[in-house]
Amino acid sequence: MVADLAIYTVVHQPRRLKLPAQPIPRGASIEDITRCLFDESMNEHYFRKVAKYCYYPATRMFLDLVRQGLKLSIGFSLSFLRQAQNWDTTLLELFRELVAEENVELIGVEPYHSFLFLLDLPAFISRMQEMVQEMVSLFGKRPVVTDTTEMCMSATIYNALDAAGFRGALIDGRPWVMGWRESTHLYRYGDDGPYAQPIGDRKAARAAVYGKRSVRKDEKEDREKPPYLLARHLELSDDVGYRFSNRSWSGFPLYADAYAHWIGRTWGEMLLLGWDYETFGEHHRLDSGIFEFMRALPSQLSKSGVTTYTVSELIDRHSAHTNHLPLPVYPSTWAGSGGMEFFLGNEAQKVILQLMGHVYGMAKLTENPELIDLALWLAQSDNLHLIQWYGRSGPEAEVSAYFTPSEWWALGANGVIYEQQQVYLNALRAMEPHLPVRLLRQPERKTIRLRETKPEPEAAFYYAARGV
């Protein structure tokens, strides 16, 4: 029976697009391009709304709980942190206070909440390493366990995280991934044979993430092995994350003593619960009883013989008994039914993913870091999540429609899809004047160009836009 429990929660706010799409003048500055692409007024509105009903009360609640002994693991998207830096530094300081607590572990999250790992795997590795350094700067703690966008995991993503130097990673415990295995054990994916690359080289490659800090002997040994995998318990997590305030659910109303009993009676060695931070006060409002439930949970867990640990502490306690978990080629996720069809299940989503790739490729061709950064914001998974409802029905479509900004619905369903595609087309065309070869053709640089004895060949682009 489970006696060791880790609670993980992730904080994220998307950087929403500006719809209807805004025309971008030819030759616009990067600042002007940015203003045309993103609706920062809407983003601030939703940020402040969620801060009022969720971020402030939930963070104060967790501060009280961790000071009373609860162990918590928490991750932040860069998207959320940038908004907090811009609009509410008091809230950011409150989160810093929470993360600084001894009982809190900082988990590294894909910084843009993007699908960069589908577009450019080497860049994904670099960005994840950069994220580690940013978390150290912001919070003074170095994450060694990571969560990806929407907890996506595959064999390829796992290998990229291994190359980035992480000790562990989180995965959703979906039956189609776990097979006959239970999510209440510690896993790894990777070969057990000799490394093709010398161990010394592996240490050097990981130095960028771990730095020169002093480490424990067992931690050094972990680096010579693939990352650990901790699987989120699907049913018990969703009992709180999704079903808590559902009056038609057979478990409603859910009380802390019953929930703690379910956890303690679950077969296995350890258990990971994973929730969106917005579960507390946003997805389940104050009058649902979610805060009272959480405040009562630690004592009820203790009565059921369950102790909370951070994710890394679970690894420390169970690393001697690690099991092999085969990972799929196609990513799993904690969204919807657990596969990428939640994000790529309709034609509109597939078109947007293609446009994400085109915009990212164009930004890379410009070699301009600011434009590459813009393309990564445009690759946010939310831009696919928010149109999952198109042409579909059922609970997943309802979840997607719930998160779609109410301001967009005046455009109509087809209008939302058309205008969203237009945002990407406008971004693509706005980046063209920033291509190095285009810059060389500008009048003020024509003299320099004429002096060249061997002109560079022109770059040619072909782009076909597909309508919905």
Foldseek 3Di string as FASTA:
>chain_A
DEFEEAEEAEEDDAQAFDPLQDFDDAPDDLVSLVPRTTDVVVSLVVLVVLCVQFLVVLLVLLQVVVVVPFAYEYEYALNNVVSCVVHPVVSLVSVLVNCPRPRYHYAQEQRLLFVVCVQPLVVSLVSSLVSQVVCCVSRVHGHQEYAYNLNKDFPSVQVSNLLSQHQAYEHAPACVQQPVHDLQAKAFADDPDDDPDDPVVLVVSNCSRVPDDDDDPVVVVSNVDRHMYHHAHQPLQCCQAPVCQPPVDPCPPPALLVSLLVNLPDDHYYHYHYHYSSSRRNNQNPVSCSSVRVSPNVVSNVVSNHHYHHPVVVCVVRVVPYYYGHGHRFIFGSADSTGCCLLVVDPLSVLLQVLLNLQCVLLVQLVDPSSNVVSRSSRNSLLSLLLSLVPDDDDSNVVSVVPNDPVLCVLPNLRSSVSSSVSSVSSNSNSVCSRPVNVCPPPVNVVVQVPDPDHDDDDDDDDDRDGD
